[in-house]
Amino acid sequence: MSTPEQSDALRRLHAQFVTARALGESASLAQAAPRILRVLGEILACDHGAVWMVDPAQAAIHCIQTW
């Protein structure tokens, strides 16, 4: 029987694996972002998520994907 800590660790490890796989199978972060956000939202039970990119030329950040 697993403890709550072990269950949390397994969920986080699974989220890390799926994120790494999505990045490895995609040509860019923008392409991987929808898959990453969906999986993280489902595995970690988040209500919403977003990926932001830094634009140093404009000294700004831009949201490239939401879930």
PDB file of N, CA and C in Angstrom:
ATOM      1  N   MET A   1       0.851  -1.182   0.000  1.00  0.00           N
ATOM      2  CA  MET A   1       0.000   0.000   0.000  1.00  0.00           C
ATOM      3  C   MET A   1       0.896   1.245   0.000  1.00  0.00           C
ATOM      4  N   SER A   2       0.564   2.197  -0.824  1.00  0.00           N
ATOM      5  CA  SER A   2       1.399   3.398  -0.919  1.00  0.00           C
ATOM      6  C   SER A   2       0.884   4.492   0.013  1.00  0.00           C
ATOM      7  N   THR A   3       1.814   5.301   0.439  1.00  0.00           N
ATOM      8  CA  THR A   3       1.467   6.430   1.294  1.00  0.00           C
ATOM      9  C   THR A   3       1.050   7.602   0.415  1.00  0.00           C
ATOM     10  N   PRO A   4       0.393   8.604   1.005  1.00  0.00           N
ATOM     11  CA  PRO A   4       0.051   9.800   0.209  1.00  0.00           C
ATOM     12  C   PRO A   4       1.282  10.461  -0.406  1.00  0.00           C
ATOM     13  N   GLU A   5       2.399  10.445   0.310  1.00  0.00           N
ATOM     14  CA  GLU A   5       3.635  11.033  -0.220  1.00  0.00           C
ATOM     15  C   GLU A   5       4.131  10.270  -1.440  1.00  0.00           C
ATOM     16  N   GLN A   6       4.017   8.938  -1.383  1.00  0.00           N
ATOM     17  CA  GLN A   6       4.439   8.130  -2.528  1.00  0.00           C
ATOM     18  C   GLN A   6       3.520   8.369  -3.729  1.00  0.00           C
ATOM     19  N   SER A   7       2.243   8.480  -3.481  1.00  0.00           N
ATOM     20  CA  SER A   7       1.288   8.755  -4.561  1.00  0.00           C
ATOM     21  C   SER A   7       1.572  10.100  -5.206  1.00  0.00           C
ATOM     22  N   ASP A   8       1.849  11.122  -4.391  1.00  0.00           N
ATOM     23  CA  ASP A   8       2.194  12.449  -4.920  1.00  0.00           C
ATOM     24  C   ASP A   8       3.465  12.381  -5.749  1.00  0.00           C
ATOM     25  N   ALA A   9       4.461  11.662  -5.243  1.00  0.00           N
ATOM     26  CA  ALA A   9       5.736  11.545  -5.958  1.00  0.00           C
ATOM     27  C   ALA A   9       5.530  10.860  -7.303  1.00  0.00           C
ATOM     28  N   LEU A  10       4.708   9.824  -7.340  1.00  0.00           N
ATOM     29  CA  LEU A  10       4.434   9.130  -8.603  1.00  0.00           C
ATOM     30  C   LEU A  10       3.688  10.029  -9.589  1.00  0.00           C
ATOM     31  N   ARG A  11       2.733  10.804  -9.110  1.00  0.00           N
ATOM     32  CA  ARG A  11       2.010  11.742  -9.997  1.00  0.00           C
ATOM     33  C   ARG A  11       2.959  12.779 -10.568  1.00  0.00           C
ATOM     34  N   ARG A  12       3.822  13.334  -9.716  1.00  0.00           N
ATOM     35  CA  ARG A  12       4.787  14.336 -10.194  1.00  0.00           C
ATOM     36  C   ARG A  12       5.767  13.728 -11.195  1.00  0.00           C
ATOM     37  N   LEU A  13       6.215  12.505 -10.939  1.00  0.00           N
ATOM     38  CA  LEU A  13       7.129  11.826 -11.851  1.00  0.00           C
ATOM     39  C   LEU A  13       6.456  11.573 -13.197  1.00  0.00           C
ATOM     40  N   HIS A  14       5.203  11.161 -13.167  1.00  0.00           N
ATOM     41  CA  HIS A  14       4.451  10.943 -14.404  1.00  0.00           C
ATOM     42  C   HIS A  14       4.290  12.253 -15.177  1.00  0.00           C
ATOM     43  N   ALA A  15       3.979  13.332 -14.480  1.00  0.00           N
ATOM     44  CA  ALA A  15       3.844  14.649 -15.120  1.00  0.00           C
ATOM     45  C   ALA A  15       5.162  15.072 -15.758  1.00  0.00           C
ATOM     46  N   GLN A  16       6.254  14.825 -15.053  1.00  0.00           N
ATOM     47  CA  GLN A  16       7.580  15.174 -15.583  1.00  0.00           C
ATOM     48  C   GLN A  16       7.880  14.361 -16.846  1.00  0.00           C
ATOM     49  N   PHE A  17       7.575  13.076 -16.821  1.00  0.00           N
ATOM     50  CA  PHE A  17       7.819  12.211 -17.979  1.00  0.00           C
ATOM     51  C   PHE A  17       7.010  12.665 -19.189  1.00  0.00           C
ATOM     52  N   VAL A  18       5.722  12.911 -18.975  1.00  0.00           N
ATOM     53  CA  VAL A  18       4.860  13.311 -20.093  1.00  0.00           C
ATOM     54  C   VAL A  18       5.294  14.659 -20.656  1.00  0.00           C
ATOM     55  N   THR A  19       5.692  15.578 -19.791  1.00  0.00           N
ATOM     56  CA  THR A  19       6.177  16.885 -20.243  1.00  0.00           C
ATOM     57  C   THR A  19       7.440  16.734 -21.085  1.00  0.00           C
ATOM     58  N   ALA A  20       8.393  15.946 -20.596  1.00  0.00           N
ATOM     59  CA  ALA A  20       9.634  15.725 -21.344  1.00  0.00           C
ATOM     60  C   ALA A  20       9.355  15.061 -22.685  1.00  0.00           C
ATOM     61  N   ARG A  21       8.440  14.114 -22.692  1.00  0.00           N
ATOM     62  CA  ARG A  21       8.100  13.428 -23.940  1.00  0.00           C
ATOM     63  C   ARG A  21       7.454  14.386 -24.942  1.00  0.00           C
ATOM     64  N   ALA A  22       6.541  15.220 -24.466  1.00  0.00           N
ATOM     65  CA  ALA A  22       5.894  16.194 -25.352  1.00  0.00           C
ATOM     66  C   ALA A  22       6.924  17.147 -25.950  1.00  0.00           C
ATOM     67  N   LEU A  23       7.868  17.598 -25.140  1.00  0.00           N
ATOM     68  CA  LEU A  23       8.912  18.494 -25.646  1.00  0.00           C
ATOM     69  C   LEU A  23       9.805  17.782 -26.655  1.00  0.00           C
ATOM     70  N   GLY A  24      10.140  16.526 -26.380  1.00  0.00           N
ATOM     71  CA  GLY A  24      11.000  15.766 -27.282  1.00  0.00           C
ATOM     72  C   GLY A  24      10.345  15.455 -28.616  1.00  0.00           C
ATOM     73  N   GLU A  25       9.029  15.330 -28.618  1.00  0.00           N
ATOM     74  CA  GLU A  25       8.303  14.981 -29.839  1.00  0.00           C
ATOM     75  C   GLU A  25       7.805  16.202 -30.610  1.00  0.00           C
ATOM     76  N   SER A  26       8.071  17.396 -30.100  1.00  0.00           N
ATOM     77  CA  SER A  26       7.574  18.621 -30.734  1.00  0.00           C
ATOM     78  C   SER A  26       8.729  19.451 -31.279  1.00  0.00           C
ATOM     79  N   ALA A  27       8.433  20.221 -32.307  1.00  0.00           N
ATOM     80  CA  ALA A  27       9.448  21.071 -32.928  1.00  0.00           C
ATOM     81  C   ALA A  27       9.696  22.353 -32.136  1.00  0.00           C
ATOM     82  N   SER A  28       8.743  22.715 -31.281  1.00  0.00           N
ATOM     83  CA  SER A  28       8.879  23.956 -30.518  1.00  0.00           C
ATOM     84  C   SER A  28       8.061  23.882 -29.235  1.00  0.00           C
ATOM     85  N   LEU A  29       8.323  24.797 -28.331  1.00  0.00           N
ATOM     86  CA  LEU A  29       7.527  24.876 -27.110  1.00  0.00           C
ATOM     87  C   LEU A  29       6.082  25.220 -27.446  1.00  0.00           C
ATOM     88  N   ALA A  30       5.878  26.103 -28.406  1.00  0.00           N
ATOM     89  CA  ALA A  30       4.521  26.480 -28.799  1.00  0.00           C
ATOM     90  C   ALA A  30       3.729  25.263 -29.285  1.00  0.00           C
ATOM     91  N   GLN A  31       4.394  24.347 -29.964  1.00  0.00           N
ATOM     92  CA  GLN A  31       3.730  23.141 -30.444  1.00  0.00           C
ATOM     93  C   GLN A  31       3.438  22.177 -29.289  1.00  0.00           C
ATOM     94  N   ALA A  32       4.334  22.088 -28.322  1.00  0.00           N
ATOM     95  CA  ALA A  32       4.179  21.164 -27.191  1.00  0.00           C
ATOM     96  C   ALA A  32       3.255  21.708 -26.111  1.00  0.00           C
ATOM     97  N   ALA A  33       3.090  23.014 -26.046  1.00  0.00           N
ATOM     98  CA  ALA A  33       2.363  23.659 -24.940  1.00  0.00           C
ATOM     99  C   ALA A  33       0.950  23.119 -24.711  1.00  0.00           C
ATOM    100  N   PRO A  34       0.116  22.935 -25.736  1.00  0.00           N
ATOM    101  CA  PRO A  34      -1.236  22.436 -25.460  1.00  0.00           C
ATOM    102  C   PRO A  34      -1.234  21.073 -24.778  1.00  0.00           C
ATOM    103  N   ARG A  35      -0.386  20.198 -25.251  1.00  0.00           N
ATOM    104  CA  ARG A  35      -0.293  18.851 -24.672  1.00  0.00           C
ATOM    105  C   ARG A  35       0.229  18.907 -23.237  1.00  0.00           C
ATOM    106  N   ILE A  36       1.259  19.710 -23.023  1.00  0.00           N
ATOM    107  CA  ILE A  36       1.838  19.835 -21.681  1.00  0.00           C
ATOM    108  C   ILE A  36       0.805  20.385 -20.707  1.00  0.00           C
ATOM    109  N   LEU A  37       0.133  21.450 -21.085  1.00  0.00           N
ATOM    110  CA  LEU A  37      -0.848  22.056 -20.182  1.00  0.00           C
ATOM    111  C   LEU A  37      -1.999  21.110 -19.873  1.00  0.00           C
ATOM    112  N   ARG A  38      -2.480  20.403 -20.882  1.00  0.00           N
ATOM    113  CA  ARG A  38      -3.580  19.462 -20.662  1.00  0.00           C
ATOM    114  C   ARG A  38      -3.167  18.368 -19.684  1.00  0.00           C
ATOM    115  N   VAL A  39      -2.007  17.771 -19.929  1.00  0.00           N
ATOM    116  CA  VAL A  39      -1.546  16.679 -19.074  1.00  0.00           C
ATOM    117  C   VAL A  39      -1.266  17.165 -17.657  1.00  0.00           C
ATOM    118  N   LEU A  40      -0.607  18.293 -17.516  1.00  0.00           N
ATOM    119  CA  LEU A  40      -0.334  18.817 -16.175  1.00  0.00           C
ATOM    120  C   LEU A  40      -1.630  19.145 -15.448  1.00  0.00           C
ATOM    121  N   GLY A  41      -2.570  19.717 -16.174  1.00  0.00           N
ATOM    122  CA  GLY A  41      -3.857  20.033 -15.565  1.00  0.00           C
ATOM    123  C   GLY A  41      -4.576  18.799 -15.072  1.00  0.00           C
ATOM    124  N   GLU A  42      -4.550  17.747 -15.886  1.00  0.00           N
ATOM    125  CA  GLU A  42      -5.231  16.510 -15.502  1.00  0.00           C
ATOM    126  C   GLU A  42      -4.503  15.771 -14.390  1.00  0.00           C
ATOM    127  N   ILE A  43      -3.199  15.601 -14.524  1.00  0.00           N
ATOM    128  CA  ILE A  43      -2.434  14.834 -13.539  1.00  0.00           C
ATOM    129  C   ILE A  43      -2.361  15.557 -12.194  1.00  0.00           C
ATOM    130  N   LEU A  44      -2.139  16.857 -12.236  1.00  0.00           N
ATOM    131  CA  LEU A  44      -1.952  17.616 -10.998  1.00  0.00           C
ATOM    132  C   LEU A  44      -3.253  18.264 -10.510  1.00  0.00           C
ATOM    133  N   ALA A  45      -4.342  18.005 -11.200  1.00  0.00           N
ATOM    134  CA  ALA A  45      -5.664  18.506 -10.814  1.00  0.00           C
ATOM    135  C   ALA A  45      -5.700  20.036 -10.703  1.00  0.00           C
ATOM    136  N   CYS A  46      -5.192  20.689 -11.745  1.00  0.00           N
ATOM    137  CA  CYS A  46      -5.204  22.153 -11.794  1.00  0.00           C
ATOM    138  C   CYS A  46      -6.499  22.628 -12.461  1.00  0.00           C
ATOM    139  N   ASP A  47      -6.954  23.800 -12.074  1.00  0.00           N
ATOM    140  CA  ASP A  47      -8.145  24.380 -12.691  1.00  0.00           C
ATOM    141  C   ASP A  47      -7.828  25.046 -14.022  1.00  0.00           C
ATOM    142  N   HIS A  48      -6.639  25.616 -14.150  1.00  0.00           N
ATOM    143  CA  HIS A  48      -6.223  26.258 -15.396  1.00  0.00           C
ATOM    144  C   HIS A  48      -4.701  26.354 -15.416  1.00  0.00           C
ATOM    145  N   GLY A  49      -4.160  26.631 -16.591  1.00  0.00           N
ATOM    146  CA  GLY A  49      -2.718  26.785 -16.741  1.00  0.00           C
ATOM    147  C   GLY A  49      -2.420  27.673 -17.931  1.00  0.00           C
ATOM    148  N   ALA A  50      -1.195  28.174 -17.978  1.00  0.00           N
ATOM    149  CA  ALA A  50      -0.776  29.037 -19.083  1.00  0.00           C
ATOM    150  C   ALA A  50       0.731  28.915 -19.282  1.00  0.00           C
ATOM    151  N   VAL A  51       1.155  29.103 -20.523  1.00  0.00           N
ATOM    152  CA  VAL A  51       2.577  29.156 -20.861  1.00  0.00           C
ATOM    153  C   VAL A  51       2.870  30.565 -21.351  1.00  0.00           C
ATOM    154  N   TRP A  52       3.871  31.169 -20.760  1.00  0.00           N
ATOM    155  CA  TRP A  52       4.262  32.532 -21.098  1.00  0.00           C
ATOM    156  C   TRP A  52       5.674  32.526 -21.664  1.00  0.00           C
ATOM    157  N   MET A  53       5.917  33.343 -22.676  1.00  0.00           N
ATOM    158  CA  MET A  53       7.246  33.493 -23.279  1.00  0.00           C
ATOM    159  C   MET A  53       7.744  34.905 -23.036  1.00  0.00           C
ATOM    160  N   VAL A  54       9.033  34.997 -22.745  1.00  0.00           N
ATOM    161  CA  VAL A  54       9.665  36.301 -22.531  1.00  0.00           C
ATOM    162  C   VAL A  54      10.111  36.855 -23.875  1.00  0.00           C
ATOM    163  N   ASP A  55       9.807  38.126 -24.118  1.00  0.00           N
ATOM    164  CA  ASP A  55      10.259  38.835 -25.315  1.00  0.00           C
ATOM    165  C   ASP A  55      11.207  39.938 -24.851  1.00  0.00           C
ATOM    166  N   PRO A  56      12.518  39.640 -24.814  1.00  0.00           N
ATOM    167  CA  PRO A  56      13.470  40.630 -24.300  1.00  0.00           C
ATOM    168  C   PRO A  56      13.512  41.915 -25.126  1.00  0.00           C
ATOM    169  N   ALA A  57      13.257  41.808 -26.424  1.00  0.00           N
ATOM    170  CA  ALA A  57      13.309  42.991 -27.289  1.00  0.00           C
ATOM    171  C   ALA A  57      12.254  44.012 -26.889  1.00  0.00           C
ATOM    172  N   GLN A  58      11.094  43.534 -26.433  1.00  0.00           N
ATOM    173  CA  GLN A  58      10.023  44.444 -26.027  1.00  0.00           C
ATOM    174  C   GLN A  58       9.912  44.564 -24.510  1.00  0.00           C
ATOM    175  N   ALA A  59      10.799  43.874 -23.790  1.00  0.00           N
ATOM    176  CA  ALA A  59      10.758  43.847 -22.328  1.00  0.00           C
ATOM    177  C   ALA A  59       9.353  43.481 -21.845  1.00  0.00           C
ATOM    178  N   ALA A  60       8.832  42.375 -22.425  1.00  0.00           N
ATOM    179  CA  ALA A  60       7.465  41.961 -22.123  1.00  0.00           C
ATOM    180  C   ALA A  60       7.371  40.439 -22.113  1.00  0.00           C
ATOM    181  N   ILE A  61       6.257  39.960 -21.601  1.00  0.00           N
ATOM    182  CA  ILE A  61       5.949  38.538 -21.695  1.00  0.00           C
ATOM    183  C   ILE A  61       4.647  38.386 -22.469  1.00  0.00           C
ATOM    184  N   HIS A  62       4.521  37.257 -23.171  1.00  0.00           N
ATOM    185  CA  HIS A  62       3.335  37.004 -23.972  1.00  0.00           C
ATOM    186  C   HIS A  62       2.818  35.600 -23.671  1.00  0.00           C
ATOM    187  N   CYS A  63       1.537  35.486 -23.483  1.00  0.00           N
ATOM    188  CA  CYS A  63       0.901  34.203 -23.256  1.00  0.00           C
ATOM    189  C   CYS A  63       0.780  33.492 -24.606  1.00  0.00           C
ATOM    190  N   ILE A  64       1.355  32.274 -24.700  1.00  0.00           N
ATOM    191  CA  ILE A  64       1.280  31.563 -25.972  1.00  0.00           C
ATOM    192  C   ILE A  64       0.245  30.444 -25.961  1.00  0.00           C
ATOM    193  N   GLN A  65      -0.196  30.036 -24.760  1.00  0.00           N
ATOM    194  CA  GLN A  65      -1.191  28.964 -24.696  1.00  0.00           C
ATOM    195  C   GLN A  65      -1.827  28.934 -23.322  1.00  0.00           C
ATOM    196  N   THR A  66      -3.110  28.620 -23.286  1.00  0.00           N
ATOM    197  CA  THR A  66      -3.810  28.443 -22.013  1.00  0.00           C
ATOM    198  C   THR A  66      -4.572  27.128 -22.030  1.00  0.00           C
ATOM    199  N   TRP A  67      -4.896  26.677 -20.842  1.00  0.00           N
ATOM    200  CA  TRP A  67      -5.716  25.473 -20.699  1.00  0.00           C
ATOM    201  C   TRP A  67      -6.687  25.700 -19.587  1.00  0.00           C
TER     202      TRP A  67
END
